Each structure stands twice: as structure tokens, then as C-alpha cells.
C-alpha atoms as a PDB file:
ATOM      1  CA  UNK A   1       0.000   0.000   0.000  1.00  0.00           C
ATOM      2  CA  UNK A   2       2.915   2.322   0.646  1.00  0.00           C
ATOM      3  CA  UNK A   3       4.162   1.796  -2.905  1.00  0.00           C
ATOM      4  CA  UNK A   4       0.684   2.397  -4.314  1.00  0.00           C
ATOM      5  CA  UNK A   5       0.321   5.513  -2.187  1.00  0.00           C
ATOM      6  CA  UNK A   6       3.561   6.851  -3.659  1.00  0.00           C
ATOM      7  CA  UNK A   7       2.179   6.426  -7.191  1.00  0.00           C
ATOM      8  CA  UNK A   8       3.519   3.012  -8.201  1.00  0.00           C
ATOM      9  CA  UNK A   9       0.975   0.943 -10.135  1.00  0.00           C
ATOM     10  CA  UNK A  10       0.829  -2.591  -8.716  1.00  0.00           C
ATOM     11  CA  UNK A  11      -0.867  -5.725 -10.029  1.00  0.00           C
ATOM     12  CA  UNK A  12      -1.268  -8.698  -7.696  1.00  0.00           C
ATOM     13  CA  UNK A  13      -2.869 -12.000  -8.613  1.00  0.00           C
ATOM     14  CA  UNK A  14      -3.730 -14.439  -5.843  1.00  0.00           C
ATOM     15  CA  UNK A  15      -6.072 -17.184  -4.746  1.00  0.00           C
ATOM     16  CA  UNK A  16      -5.288 -16.380  -1.113  1.00  0.00           C
ATOM     17  CA  UNK A  17      -8.333 -15.141   0.739  1.00  0.00           C
ATOM     18  CA  UNK A  18      -6.009 -14.028   3.542  1.00  0.00           C
ATOM     19  CA  UNK A  19      -4.092 -11.731   1.183  1.00  0.00           C
ATOM     20  CA  UNK A  20      -7.283 -10.405  -0.426  1.00  0.00           C
ATOM     21  CA  UNK A  21      -8.748  -9.554   2.961  1.00  0.00           C
ATOM     22  CA  UNK A  22      -5.501  -7.975   4.167  1.00  0.00           C
ATOM     23  CA  UNK A  23      -5.346  -5.701   1.125  1.00  0.00           C
ATOM     24  CA  UNK A  24      -9.004  -4.778   1.629  1.00  0.00           C
ATOM     25  CA  UNK A  25      -8.422  -4.017   5.329  1.00  0.00           C
ATOM     26  CA  UNK A  26      -5.397  -1.864   4.530  1.00  0.00           C
ATOM     27  CA  UNK A  27      -7.267  -0.011   1.804  1.00  0.00           C
ATOM     28  CA  UNK A  28     -10.082   0.833   4.237  1.00  0.00           C
ATOM     29  CA  UNK A  29      -7.523   2.408   6.599  1.00  0.00           C
ATOM     30  CA  UNK A  30      -7.754   6.215   6.607  1.00  0.00           C
ATOM     31  CA  UNK A  31      -4.044   6.399   5.718  1.00  0.00           C
ATOM     32  CA  UNK A  32      -4.713   4.751   2.325  1.00  0.00           C
ATOM     33  CA  UNK A  33      -8.043   6.315   1.357  1.00  0.00           C
ATOM     34  CA  UNK A  34      -6.387   8.132  -1.543  1.00  0.00           C
ATOM     35  CA  UNK A  35      -5.071   4.879  -3.085  1.00  0.00           C
ATOM     36  CA  UNK A  36      -7.116   4.037  -6.172  1.00  0.00           C
ATOM     37  CA  UNK A  37      -7.501   0.269  -5.746  1.00  0.00           C
ATOM     38  CA  UNK A  38      -9.624  -2.163  -7.759  1.00  0.00           C
ATOM     39  CA  UNK A  39     -10.418  -5.821  -7.104  1.00  0.00           C
ATOM     40  CA  UNK A  40     -11.136  -8.233  -9.960  1.00  0.00           C
ATOM     41  CA  UNK A  41     -12.579 -11.733 -10.099  1.00  0.00           C
ATOM     42  CA  UNK A  42     -12.508 -14.037 -13.099  1.00  0.00           C
ATOM     43  CA  UNK A  43     -15.251 -16.628 -13.521  1.00  0.00           C
ATOM     44  CA  UNK A  44     -15.347 -19.354 -16.192  1.00  0.00           C
ATOM     45  CA  UNK A  45     -18.605 -19.585 -18.093  1.00  0.00           C
ATOM     46  CA  UNK A  46     -20.186 -21.109 -21.164  1.00  0.00           C
ATOM     47  CA  UNK A  47     -19.142 -18.145 -23.332  1.00  0.00           C
ATOM     48  CA  UNK A  48     -15.622 -17.779 -21.934  1.00  0.00           C
ATOM     49  CA  UNK A  49     -14.377 -15.923 -18.896  1.00  0.00           C
ATOM     50  CA  UNK A  50     -16.419 -13.181 -17.266  1.00  0.00           C
ATOM     51  CA  UNK A  51     -14.804 -10.424 -15.230  1.00  0.00           C
ATOM     52  CA  UNK A  52     -16.175  -8.696 -12.143  1.00  0.00           C
ATOM     53  CA  UNK A  53     -14.568  -5.639 -10.632  1.00  0.00           C
ATOM     54  CA  UNK A  54     -15.093  -3.425  -7.626  1.00  0.00           C
ATOM     55  CA  UNK A  55     -13.448  -0.805  -5.454  1.00  0.00           C
ATOM     56  CA  UNK A  56     -13.712  -3.032  -2.363  1.00  0.00           C
ATOM     57  CA  UNK A  57     -13.610  -6.795  -1.919  1.00  0.00           C
ATOM     58  CA  UNK A  58     -17.295  -6.888  -0.974  1.00  0.00           C
ATOM     59  CA  UNK A  59     -18.179  -5.692  -4.488  1.00  0.00           C
ATOM     60  CA  UNK A  60     -17.225  -9.133  -5.820  1.00  0.00           C
ATOM     61  CA  UNK A  61     -19.932 -11.743  -5.550  1.00  0.00           C
ATOM     62  CA  UNK A  62     -19.516 -14.597  -5.144  1.00  0.00           C
ATOM     63  CA  UNK A  63     -15.968 -14.727  -3.922  1.00  0.00           C
ATOM     64  CA  UNK A  64     -14.776 -18.079  -5.237  1.00  0.00           C
ATOM     65  CA  UNK A  65     -11.687 -17.945  -2.998  1.00  0.00           C
ATOM     66  CA  UNK A  66     -13.936 -17.976   0.062  1.00  0.00           C
ATOM     67  CA  UNK A  67     -15.891 -20.970  -1.241  1.00  0.00           C
ATOM     68  CA  UNK A  68     -12.667 -22.846  -1.961  1.00  0.00           C
ATOM     69  CA  UNK A  69     -11.154 -21.995   1.423  1.00  0.00           C
ATOM     70  CA  UNK A  70     -14.280 -23.212   3.226  1.00  0.00           C
ATOM     71  CA  UNK A  71     -14.313 -26.384   1.133  1.00  0.00           C
ATOM     72  CA  UNK A  72     -10.671 -27.025   1.983  1.00  0.00           C
ATOM     73  CA  UNK A  73     -11.390 -26.463   5.697  1.00  0.00           C
ATOM     74  CA  UNK A  74     -14.199 -29.032   5.533  1.00  0.00           C
ATOM     75  CA  UNK A  75     -11.903 -31.562   3.825  1.00  0.00           C
ATOM     76  CA  UNK A  76      -9.193 -30.893   6.394  1.00  0.00           C
ATOM     77  CA  UNK A  77     -11.577 -31.508   9.290  1.00  0.00           C
ATOM     78  CA  UNK A  78     -12.641 -34.811   7.713  1.00  0.00           C
ATOM     79  CA  UNK A  79      -9.103 -36.209   7.762  1.00  0.00           C
ATOM     80  CA  UNK A  80      -8.381 -35.325  11.402  1.00  0.00           C
END
């Protein structure tokens, strides 16, 4: 966020819900309100890939990363 605040354009691709949430939390901090951030989600479909975008993480629905993380947690609990 410090780099973005200083004017550096940054692209980050991740499947990590932790990282997505951390970036969203930082962006909501008053210190970074002037950072122009966008979140994108790619979804496969019958006609190709569709793209969603939003200024905050909550603008993306559904968040596939969350579904996958919850699914992994369920599988993990089954093997314990």
C-alpha cells in the first residue's frame, strides 16, 4: 500500500483469501483512502471468462476464494 500511495501501479494476482482480505483491510484504513484500488474476479462460463470488478472486496460476488477456502477447511476436518 505504501508503494501504491507513492504512485507506483501494482498488479497482484492471488487465490489467497487471507491476502485479499488484508489488502481490503489496509485499503479501508484512513491512511490509504487516496489509493485508487480495484479488485477483480474471473469466472469461467459457457461463453468464456467473465470479469467482475469493484473498489472493495465486498463488491465481488460470489468470492470463489472464500468458497474454496471453506471447502478445503471441511476436507481438512474430515481427515483429522
